Amino acid sequence: MRRSVLLSMLVALAILAGCAGGKKAEMVNANAAVESEIPRDSLKAKFVLTLTEKNGKTQNLDAVLFSVPGKRYRMELTGPMGVGVASMLWTEQGWVMTFPTEKLYMKGNGYMVGLLADNSLPLVHIHQVADIFDGRVLPEGFEIEEEKDQVTYAREKGGKRFSFERKDSVVTWLSRTGRDGKPETLQFLEYRAFEGVKTPSRIVFQRDGRNYLEINIKKVTRNKPFSLGVWRLNVPRSFSPVDG
């Protein structure tokens, strides 16, 4: 499987508990709780992912995120000529990712996005990444430990430390240490008002000082219901599980 495809799904967002075996058709269905519900806090974002490989080569993917914050997410990535590259459905009951061009899939549980067996890839908190599209760039419920030279040092609810800088009332970057001890930084740039919510339209992901992913938000809409098909993701019998 191509590393660039996996990295694109890491941002938008899922492996913590490993992958399931077998090739039976699987379906993740979030409809039981939402068939009669019109989400009042729904969000749809269209954006472009730019992936940067170690050799400097870049790849652009069109993306769309359907989000009911904190409850469920669906993301679709497409490449040139509108070819589907990857799909993800995350719910509180579990998540599934499919890679149609590779005929692969992943399944698991938890809110962290990343390959548990590969320390070279960052683990990303799916709620925190999805919140960026709604203008919330800092972890919910964090506690400030120290403020020094315009930098704030803080701790997440789970205990993980991070730091950030705020200029002119907006957060410009957030940094934390990755699981292998290397620094991981998000830069929040070019703030715009999307339906009245101030949001960074350009987000750059860096690891150990190197850019590996960039998000450019094009459009955000809120408070509109999604079709029930958004919350279904089928895994064909011909797909194989990703080893991880």
C-alpha atoms as a PDB file:
ATOM      1  CA  MET A   1       0.000   0.000   0.000  1.00  0.00           C
ATOM      2  CA  ARG A   2       1.283   3.468  -0.895  1.00  0.00           C
ATOM      3  CA  ARG A   3       2.499   5.471   2.126  1.00  0.00           C
ATOM      4  CA  SER A   4       1.029   8.726   0.736  1.00  0.00           C
ATOM      5  CA  VAL A   5      -2.516   7.322   0.756  1.00  0.00           C
ATOM      6  CA  LEU A   6      -2.168   6.205   4.360  1.00  0.00           C
ATOM      7  CA  LEU A   7      -0.810   9.578   5.457  1.00  0.00           C
ATOM      8  CA  SER A   8      -3.756  11.376   3.870  1.00  0.00           C
ATOM      9  CA  MET A   9      -6.176   9.273   5.886  1.00  0.00           C
ATOM     10  CA  LEU A  10      -4.190   9.857   9.066  1.00  0.00           C
ATOM     11  CA  VAL A  11      -5.216  13.484   9.002  1.00  0.00           C
ATOM     12  CA  ALA A  12      -8.526  13.510   8.346  1.00  0.00           C
ATOM     13  CA  LEU A  13      -8.404  10.763  10.392  1.00  0.00           C
ATOM     14  CA  ALA A  14      -7.592   5.479  12.202  1.00  0.00           C
ATOM     15  CA  ILE A  15      -5.722   2.779  13.758  1.00  0.00           C
ATOM     16  CA  LEU A  16      -5.142   2.185  17.466  1.00  0.00           C
ATOM     17  CA  ALA A  17      -6.269  -1.343  18.123  1.00  0.00           C
ATOM     18  CA  GLY A  18      -4.922  -2.989  14.987  1.00  0.00           C
ATOM     19  CA  CYS A  19      -6.632  -4.520  11.968  1.00  0.00           C
ATOM     20  CA  ALA A  20      -9.118  -7.323  11.595  1.00  0.00           C
ATOM     21  CA  GLY A  21      -8.445 -10.415   9.536  1.00  0.00           C
ATOM     22  CA  GLY A  22     -10.597 -12.266   7.046  1.00  0.00           C
ATOM     23  CA  LYS A  23     -12.212 -11.158   3.821  1.00  0.00           C
ATOM     24  CA  LYS A  24     -15.899 -11.246   4.659  1.00  0.00           C
ATOM     25  CA  ALA A  25     -17.992  -8.279   3.630  1.00  0.00           C
ATOM     26  CA  GLU A  26     -18.374  -5.858   6.505  1.00  0.00           C
ATOM     27  CA  MET A  27     -20.642  -2.882   7.073  1.00  0.00           C
ATOM     28  CA  VAL A  28     -20.325  -0.113   9.623  1.00  0.00           C
ATOM     29  CA  ASN A  29     -23.780   1.384  10.071  1.00  0.00           C
ATOM     30  CA  ALA A  30     -24.429   4.429  12.215  1.00  0.00           C
ATOM     31  CA  ASN A  31     -28.054   4.721  11.180  1.00  0.00           C
ATOM     32  CA  ALA A  32     -29.612   3.095  14.231  1.00  0.00           C
ATOM     33  CA  ALA A  33     -29.134   6.284  16.253  1.00  0.00           C
ATOM     34  CA  VAL A  34     -29.726   8.817  13.489  1.00  0.00           C
ATOM     35  CA  GLU A  35     -32.519   7.625  11.194  1.00  0.00           C
ATOM     36  CA  SER A  36     -34.990  10.010  12.806  1.00  0.00           C
ATOM     37  CA  GLU A  37     -32.384  12.639  13.654  1.00  0.00           C
ATOM     38  CA  ILE A  38     -31.502  15.775  11.727  1.00  0.00           C
ATOM     39  CA  PRO A  39     -28.152  16.818  13.221  1.00  0.00           C
ATOM     40  CA  ARG A  40     -28.252  20.417  14.380  1.00  0.00           C
ATOM     41  CA  ASP A  41     -24.485  20.546  14.688  1.00  0.00           C
ATOM     42  CA  SER A  42     -23.590  18.972  11.358  1.00  0.00           C
ATOM     43  CA  LEU A  43     -20.626  20.252   9.354  1.00  0.00           C
ATOM     44  CA  LYS A  44     -19.446  19.596   5.807  1.00  0.00           C
ATOM     45  CA  ALA A  45     -16.013  20.744   4.679  1.00  0.00           C
ATOM     46  CA  LYS A  46     -14.436  20.627   1.237  1.00  0.00           C
ATOM     47  CA  PHE A  47     -10.670  20.884   1.129  1.00  0.00           C
ATOM     48  CA  VAL A  48      -7.483  19.882  -0.678  1.00  0.00           C
ATOM     49  CA  LEU A  49      -4.815  17.657   0.864  1.00  0.00           C
ATOM     50  CA  THR A  50      -1.253  18.187  -0.311  1.00  0.00           C
ATOM     51  CA  LEU A  51       1.047  15.309   0.592  1.00  0.00           C
ATOM     52  CA  THR A  52       4.818  15.838   0.609  1.00  0.00           C
ATOM     53  CA  GLU A  53       7.078  12.799   0.408  1.00  0.00           C
ATOM     54  CA  LYS A  54      10.623  12.708   1.774  1.00  0.00           C
ATOM     55  CA  ASN A  55      12.023  13.278  -1.713  1.00  0.00           C
ATOM     56  CA  GLY A  56      10.020  16.518  -1.988  1.00  0.00           C
ATOM     57  CA  LYS A  57       7.447  15.154  -4.415  1.00  0.00           C
ATOM     58  CA  THR A  58       3.904  16.364  -3.760  1.00  0.00           C
ATOM     59  CA  GLN A  59       0.481  14.906  -4.465  1.00  0.00           C
ATOM     60  CA  ASN A  60      -2.872  16.703  -4.272  1.00  0.00           C
ATOM     61  CA  LEU A  61      -6.123  14.995  -3.294  1.00  0.00           C
ATOM     62  CA  ASP A  62      -9.594  16.505  -3.196  1.00  0.00           C
ATOM     63  CA  ALA A  63     -11.390  15.747   0.053  1.00  0.00           C
ATOM     64  CA  VAL A  64     -14.744  16.150   1.734  1.00  0.00           C
ATOM     65  CA  LEU A  65     -15.493  15.687   5.433  1.00  0.00           C
ATOM     66  CA  PHE A  66     -18.973  15.063   6.857  1.00  0.00           C
ATOM     67  CA  SER A  67     -18.939  15.662  10.591  1.00  0.00           C
ATOM     68  CA  VAL A  68     -21.277  15.515  13.557  1.00  0.00           C
ATOM     69  CA  PRO A  69     -18.650  16.766  16.017  1.00  0.00           C
ATOM     70  CA  GLY A  70     -17.593  14.254  18.625  1.00  0.00           C
ATOM     71  CA  LYS A  71     -20.063  11.625  17.374  1.00  0.00           C
ATOM     72  CA  ARG A  72     -19.314  10.474  13.817  1.00  0.00           C
ATOM     73  CA  TYR A  73     -17.236  11.408  10.809  1.00  0.00           C
ATOM     74  CA  ARG A  74     -17.117  10.389   7.153  1.00  0.00           C
ATOM     75  CA  MET A  75     -14.314  11.393   4.814  1.00  0.00           C
ATOM     76  CA  GLU A  76     -13.837  10.820   1.101  1.00  0.00           C
ATOM     77  CA  LEU A  77     -10.589  11.366  -0.807  1.00  0.00           C
ATOM     78  CA  THR A  78     -10.407  11.505  -4.597  1.00  0.00           C
ATOM     79  CA  GLY A  79      -7.455  11.741  -6.934  1.00  0.00           C
ATOM     80  CA  PRO A  80      -7.089  12.823 -10.585  1.00  0.00           C
ATOM     81  CA  MET A  81     -10.208  12.441 -12.763  1.00  0.00           C
ATOM     82  CA  GLY A  82     -12.317  11.988  -9.624  1.00  0.00           C
ATOM     83  CA  VAL A  83     -11.026   8.475  -8.904  1.00  0.00           C
ATOM     84  CA  GLY A  84     -11.824   7.395  -5.343  1.00  0.00           C
ATOM     85  CA  VAL A  85      -8.648   6.935  -3.305  1.00  0.00           C
ATOM     86  CA  ALA A  86      -9.887   6.330   0.237  1.00  0.00           C
ATOM     87  CA  SER A  87     -13.014   6.395   2.398  1.00  0.00           C
ATOM     88  CA  MET A  88     -13.391   6.482   6.161  1.00  0.00           C
ATOM     89  CA  LEU A  89     -16.309   6.146   8.546  1.00  0.00           C
ATOM     90  CA  TRP A  90     -15.677   6.748  12.254  1.00  0.00           C
ATOM     91  CA  THR A  91     -18.320   6.264  14.943  1.00  0.00           C
ATOM     92  CA  GLU A  92     -18.215   5.689  18.668  1.00  0.00           C
ATOM     93  CA  GLN A  93     -18.783   1.972  17.980  1.00  0.00           C
ATOM     94  CA  GLY A  94     -15.734   1.646  15.723  1.00  0.00           C
ATOM     95  CA  TRP A  95     -14.211   2.769  12.452  1.00  0.00           C
ATOM     96  CA  VAL A  96     -13.543   1.390   8.997  1.00  0.00           C
ATOM     97  CA  MET A  97     -11.328   2.639   6.163  1.00  0.00           C
ATOM     98  CA  THR A  98     -11.283   1.401   2.577  1.00  0.00           C
ATOM     99  CA  PHE A  99      -8.758   1.979  -0.205  1.00  0.00           C
ATOM    100  CA  PRO A 100     -10.562   1.078  -3.463  1.00  0.00           C
ATOM    101  CA  THR A 101      -7.610   1.367  -5.834  1.00  0.00           C
ATOM    102  CA  GLU A 102      -5.563  -0.889  -3.547  1.00  0.00           C
ATOM    103  CA  LYS A 103      -8.503  -3.194  -2.680  1.00  0.00           C
ATOM    104  CA  LEU A 104      -7.570  -2.946   0.995  1.00  0.00           C
ATOM    105  CA  TYR A 105      -9.386  -2.083   4.196  1.00  0.00           C
ATOM    106  CA  MET A 106      -8.731  -1.379   7.879  1.00  0.00           C
ATOM    107  CA  LYS A 107     -11.003  -1.736  10.891  1.00  0.00           C
ATOM    108  CA  GLY A 108     -10.640  -0.899  14.552  1.00  0.00           C
ATOM    109  CA  ASN A 109     -11.748   1.135  17.546  1.00  0.00           C
ATOM    110  CA  GLY A 110     -10.591   4.242  19.374  1.00  0.00           C
ATOM    111  CA  TYR A 111     -10.147   7.935  18.692  1.00  0.00           C
ATOM    112  CA  MET A 112      -6.459   7.920  17.737  1.00  0.00           C
ATOM    113  CA  VAL A 113      -5.522   7.880  14.064  1.00  0.00           C
ATOM    114  CA  GLY A 114      -2.299   6.163  13.074  1.00  0.00           C
ATOM    115  CA  LEU A 115      -0.467   2.888  12.675  1.00  0.00           C
ATOM    116  CA  LEU A 116       0.275   1.459  16.099  1.00  0.00           C
ATOM    117  CA  ALA A 117       3.062  -0.713  14.691  1.00  0.00           C
ATOM    118  CA  ASP A 118       4.861   2.090  12.836  1.00  0.00           C
ATOM    119  CA  ASN A 119       6.482   4.730  15.035  1.00  0.00           C
ATOM    120  CA  SER A 120       7.549   6.724  11.980  1.00  0.00           C
ATOM    121  CA  LEU A 121       3.923   7.810  11.448  1.00  0.00           C
ATOM    122  CA  PRO A 122       2.217  10.239  13.831  1.00  0.00           C
ATOM    123  CA  LEU A 123      -0.805   9.318  15.914  1.00  0.00           C
ATOM    124  CA  VAL A 124      -3.529  11.940  15.548  1.00  0.00           C
ATOM    125  CA  HIS A 125      -6.508  12.598  17.825  1.00  0.00           C
ATOM    126  CA  ILE A 126      -9.440  12.351  15.412  1.00  0.00           C
ATOM    127  CA  HIS A 127     -11.720  14.723  17.339  1.00  0.00           C
ATOM    128  CA  GLN A 128      -9.037  17.398  17.555  1.00  0.00           C
ATOM    129  CA  VAL A 129      -8.291  17.203  13.830  1.00  0.00           C
ATOM    130  CA  ALA A 130     -11.986  17.324  12.899  1.00  0.00           C
ATOM    131  CA  ASP A 131     -12.490  20.285  15.255  1.00  0.00           C
ATOM    132  CA  ILE A 132     -10.029  22.365  13.196  1.00  0.00           C
ATOM    133  CA  PHE A 133     -12.621  22.591  10.416  1.00  0.00           C
ATOM    134  CA  ASP A 134     -14.952  24.246  12.944  1.00  0.00           C
ATOM    135  CA  GLY A 135     -12.363  26.785  14.115  1.00  0.00           C
ATOM    136  CA  ARG A 136     -11.424  24.923  17.318  1.00  0.00           C
ATOM    137  CA  VAL A 137      -7.669  24.432  17.147  1.00  0.00           C
ATOM    138  CA  LEU A 138      -6.841  23.769  20.824  1.00  0.00           C
ATOM    139  CA  PRO A 139      -7.670  20.532  22.706  1.00  0.00           C
ATOM    140  CA  GLU A 140     -10.905  20.673  24.676  1.00  0.00           C
ATOM    141  CA  GLY A 141     -10.535  21.085  28.431  1.00  0.00           C
ATOM    142  CA  PHE A 142      -6.773  21.720  28.481  1.00  0.00           C
ATOM    143  CA  GLU A 143      -5.021  23.306  31.467  1.00  0.00           C
ATOM    144  CA  ILE A 144      -2.370  26.012  31.201  1.00  0.00           C
ATOM    145  CA  GLU A 145       0.842  25.245  33.093  1.00  0.00           C
ATOM    146  CA  GLU A 146       3.025  28.220  32.141  1.00  0.00           C
ATOM    147  CA  GLU A 147       3.151  31.221  29.828  1.00  0.00           C
ATOM    148  CA  LYS A 148       6.574  32.441  28.729  1.00  0.00           C
ATOM    149  CA  ASP A 149       7.816  34.617  25.859  1.00  0.00           C
ATOM    150  CA  GLN A 150       4.420  34.541  24.071  1.00  0.00           C
ATOM    151  CA  VAL A 151       4.370  30.740  24.239  1.00  0.00           C
ATOM    152  CA  THR A 152       1.796  28.893  26.359  1.00  0.00           C
ATOM    153  CA  TYR A 153       2.693  25.512  27.842  1.00  0.00           C
ATOM    154  CA  ALA A 154      -0.311  23.358  28.649  1.00  0.00           C
ATOM    155  CA  ARG A 155      -1.590  19.858  29.364  1.00  0.00           C
ATOM    156  CA  GLU A 156      -4.459  17.999  27.686  1.00  0.00           C
ATOM    157  CA  LYS A 157      -7.171  16.285  29.735  1.00  0.00           C
ATOM    158  CA  GLY A 158      -5.386  12.983  29.134  1.00  0.00           C
ATOM    159  CA  GLY A 159      -2.148  14.381  30.557  1.00  0.00           C
ATOM    160  CA  LYS A 160      -0.175  14.917  27.331  1.00  0.00           C
ATOM    161  CA  ARG A 161       1.795  18.178  27.279  1.00  0.00           C
ATOM    162  CA  PHE A 162       1.798  20.597  24.370  1.00  0.00           C
ATOM    163  CA  SER A 163       2.639  24.215  23.623  1.00  0.00           C
ATOM    164  CA  PHE A 164       1.148  26.886  21.395  1.00  0.00           C
ATOM    165  CA  GLU A 165       1.510  30.503  20.363  1.00  0.00           C
ATOM    166  CA  ARG A 166      -1.270  33.047  20.086  1.00  0.00           C
ATOM    167  CA  LYS A 167      -0.895  36.253  18.045  1.00  0.00           C
ATOM    168  CA  ASP A 168      -3.547  38.871  17.377  1.00  0.00           C
ATOM    169  CA  SER A 169      -6.181  36.712  19.114  1.00  0.00           C
ATOM    170  CA  VAL A 170      -5.559  33.607  16.964  1.00  0.00           C
ATOM    171  CA  VAL A 171      -3.451  30.490  17.539  1.00  0.00           C
ATOM    172  CA  THR A 172      -0.606  30.372  15.003  1.00  0.00           C
ATOM    173  CA  TRP A 173       0.951  27.003  15.883  1.00  0.00           C
ATOM    174  CA  LEU A 174       0.637  24.037  18.226  1.00  0.00           C
ATOM    175  CA  SER A 175       3.466  21.627  19.033  1.00  0.00           C
ATOM    176  CA  ARG A 176       3.742  18.357  20.937  1.00  0.00           C
ATOM    177  CA  THR A 177       6.186  15.481  21.195  1.00  0.00           C
ATOM    178  CA  GLY A 178       5.412  12.381  19.130  1.00  0.00           C
ATOM    179  CA  ARG A 179       5.489   8.852  20.495  1.00  0.00           C
ATOM    180  CA  ASP A 180       9.065   8.379  19.254  1.00  0.00           C
ATOM    181  CA  GLY A 181      10.248  11.594  20.920  1.00  0.00           C
ATOM    182  CA  LYS A 182      10.289  13.687  17.733  1.00  0.00           C
ATOM    183  CA  PRO A 183       8.436  17.039  17.636  1.00  0.00           C
ATOM    184  CA  GLU A 184       5.133  17.301  15.752  1.00  0.00           C
ATOM    185  CA  THR A 185       3.811  20.772  14.884  1.00  0.00           C
ATOM    186  CA  LEU A 186       0.630  22.127  13.320  1.00  0.00           C
ATOM    187  CA  GLN A 187       0.790  25.602  11.794  1.00  0.00           C
ATOM    188  CA  PHE A 188      -2.525  27.480  11.529  1.00  0.00           C
ATOM    189  CA  LEU A 189      -2.384  30.011   8.701  1.00  0.00           C
ATOM    190  CA  GLU A 190      -4.574  32.333   6.634  1.00  0.00           C
ATOM    191  CA  TYR A 191      -7.588  32.578   8.932  1.00  0.00           C
ATOM    192  CA  ARG A 192     -10.929  33.164   7.190  1.00  0.00           C
ATOM    193  CA  ALA A 193     -14.550  33.383   8.270  1.00  0.00           C
ATOM    194  CA  PHE A 194     -16.449  30.294   7.093  1.00  0.00           C
ATOM    195  CA  GLU A 195     -20.136  30.996   7.708  1.00  0.00           C
ATOM    196  CA  GLY A 196     -19.101  33.443  10.416  1.00  0.00           C
ATOM    197  CA  VAL A 197     -16.647  31.131  12.210  1.00  0.00           C
ATOM    198  CA  LYS A 198     -13.013  32.224  12.150  1.00  0.00           C
ATOM    199  CA  THR A 199     -11.016  29.218  10.954  1.00  0.00           C
ATOM    200  CA  PRO A 200      -7.473  28.669   9.630  1.00  0.00           C
ATOM    201  CA  SER A 201      -7.930  27.960   5.926  1.00  0.00           C
ATOM    202  CA  ARG A 202      -4.416  26.534   5.613  1.00  0.00           C
ATOM    203  CA  ILE A 203      -3.029  23.995   8.072  1.00  0.00           C
ATOM    204  CA  VAL A 204       0.503  22.649   7.714  1.00  0.00           C
ATOM    205  CA  PHE A 205       1.536  19.431   9.478  1.00  0.00           C
ATOM    206  CA  GLN A 206       5.227  19.095  10.337  1.00  0.00           C
ATOM    207  CA  ARG A 207       7.163  16.250  11.877  1.00  0.00           C
ATOM    208  CA  ASP A 208      10.747  16.621  13.057  1.00  0.00           C
ATOM    209  CA  GLY A 209      10.883  19.951  11.201  1.00  0.00           C
ATOM    210  CA  ARG A 210       9.695  18.565   7.851  1.00  0.00           C
ATOM    211  CA  ASN A 211       6.353  19.336   6.164  1.00  0.00           C
ATOM    212  CA  TYR A 212       4.482  16.149   5.289  1.00  0.00           C
ATOM    213  CA  LEU A 213       0.868  17.284   4.886  1.00  0.00           C
ATOM    214  CA  GLU A 214      -1.064  20.457   4.153  1.00  0.00           C
ATOM    215  CA  ILE A 215      -4.801  21.122   4.293  1.00  0.00           C
ATOM    216  CA  ASN A 216      -6.369  23.956   2.307  1.00  0.00           C
ATOM    217  CA  ILE A 217     -10.008  24.467   3.277  1.00  0.00           C
ATOM    218  CA  LYS A 218     -12.209  25.652   0.414  1.00  0.00           C
ATOM    219  CA  LYS A 219     -15.739  25.617   1.839  1.00  0.00           C
ATOM    220  CA  VAL A 220     -17.551  24.865   5.093  1.00  0.00           C
ATOM    221  CA  THR A 221     -21.315  24.502   5.541  1.00  0.00           C
ATOM    222  CA  ARG A 222     -23.198  23.842   8.780  1.00  0.00           C
ATOM    223  CA  ASN A 223     -26.537  22.749  10.186  1.00  0.00           C
ATOM    224  CA  LYS A 224     -27.731  20.758   7.184  1.00  0.00           C
ATOM    225  CA  PRO A 225     -28.826  17.101   7.355  1.00  0.00           C
ATOM    226  CA  PHE A 226     -26.866  14.412   5.538  1.00  0.00           C
ATOM    227  CA  SER A 227     -28.357  11.507   3.627  1.00  0.00           C
ATOM    228  CA  LEU A 228     -28.363   8.161   5.429  1.00  0.00           C
ATOM    229  CA  GLY A 229     -25.906   6.817   2.855  1.00  0.00           C
ATOM    230  CA  VAL A 230     -23.189   9.020   4.362  1.00  0.00           C
ATOM    231  CA  TRP A 231     -23.197   6.814   7.457  1.00  0.00           C
ATOM    232  CA  ARG A 232     -22.740   3.512   5.583  1.00  0.00           C
ATOM    233  CA  LEU A 233     -19.423   2.173   4.322  1.00  0.00           C
ATOM    234  CA  ASN A 234     -19.305  -1.242   2.700  1.00  0.00           C
ATOM    235  CA  VAL A 235     -16.190  -3.424   2.538  1.00  0.00           C
ATOM    236  CA  PRO A 236     -16.339  -5.673  -0.550  1.00  0.00           C
ATOM    237  CA  ARG A 237     -15.458  -9.351  -0.085  1.00  0.00           C
ATOM    238  CA  SER A 238     -12.592  -8.944  -2.549  1.00  0.00           C
ATOM    239  CA  PHE A 239     -10.783  -6.459  -0.257  1.00  0.00           C
ATOM    240  CA  SER A 240      -7.948  -7.653   1.971  1.00  0.00           C
ATOM    241  CA  PRO A 241      -7.090  -6.347   5.460  1.00  0.00           C
ATOM    242  CA  VAL A 242      -4.056  -4.114   5.836  1.00  0.00           C
ATOM    243  CA  ASP A 243      -1.326  -5.711   7.895  1.00  0.00           C
ATOM    244  CA  GLY A 244      -0.517  -3.527  10.855  1.00  0.00           C
END
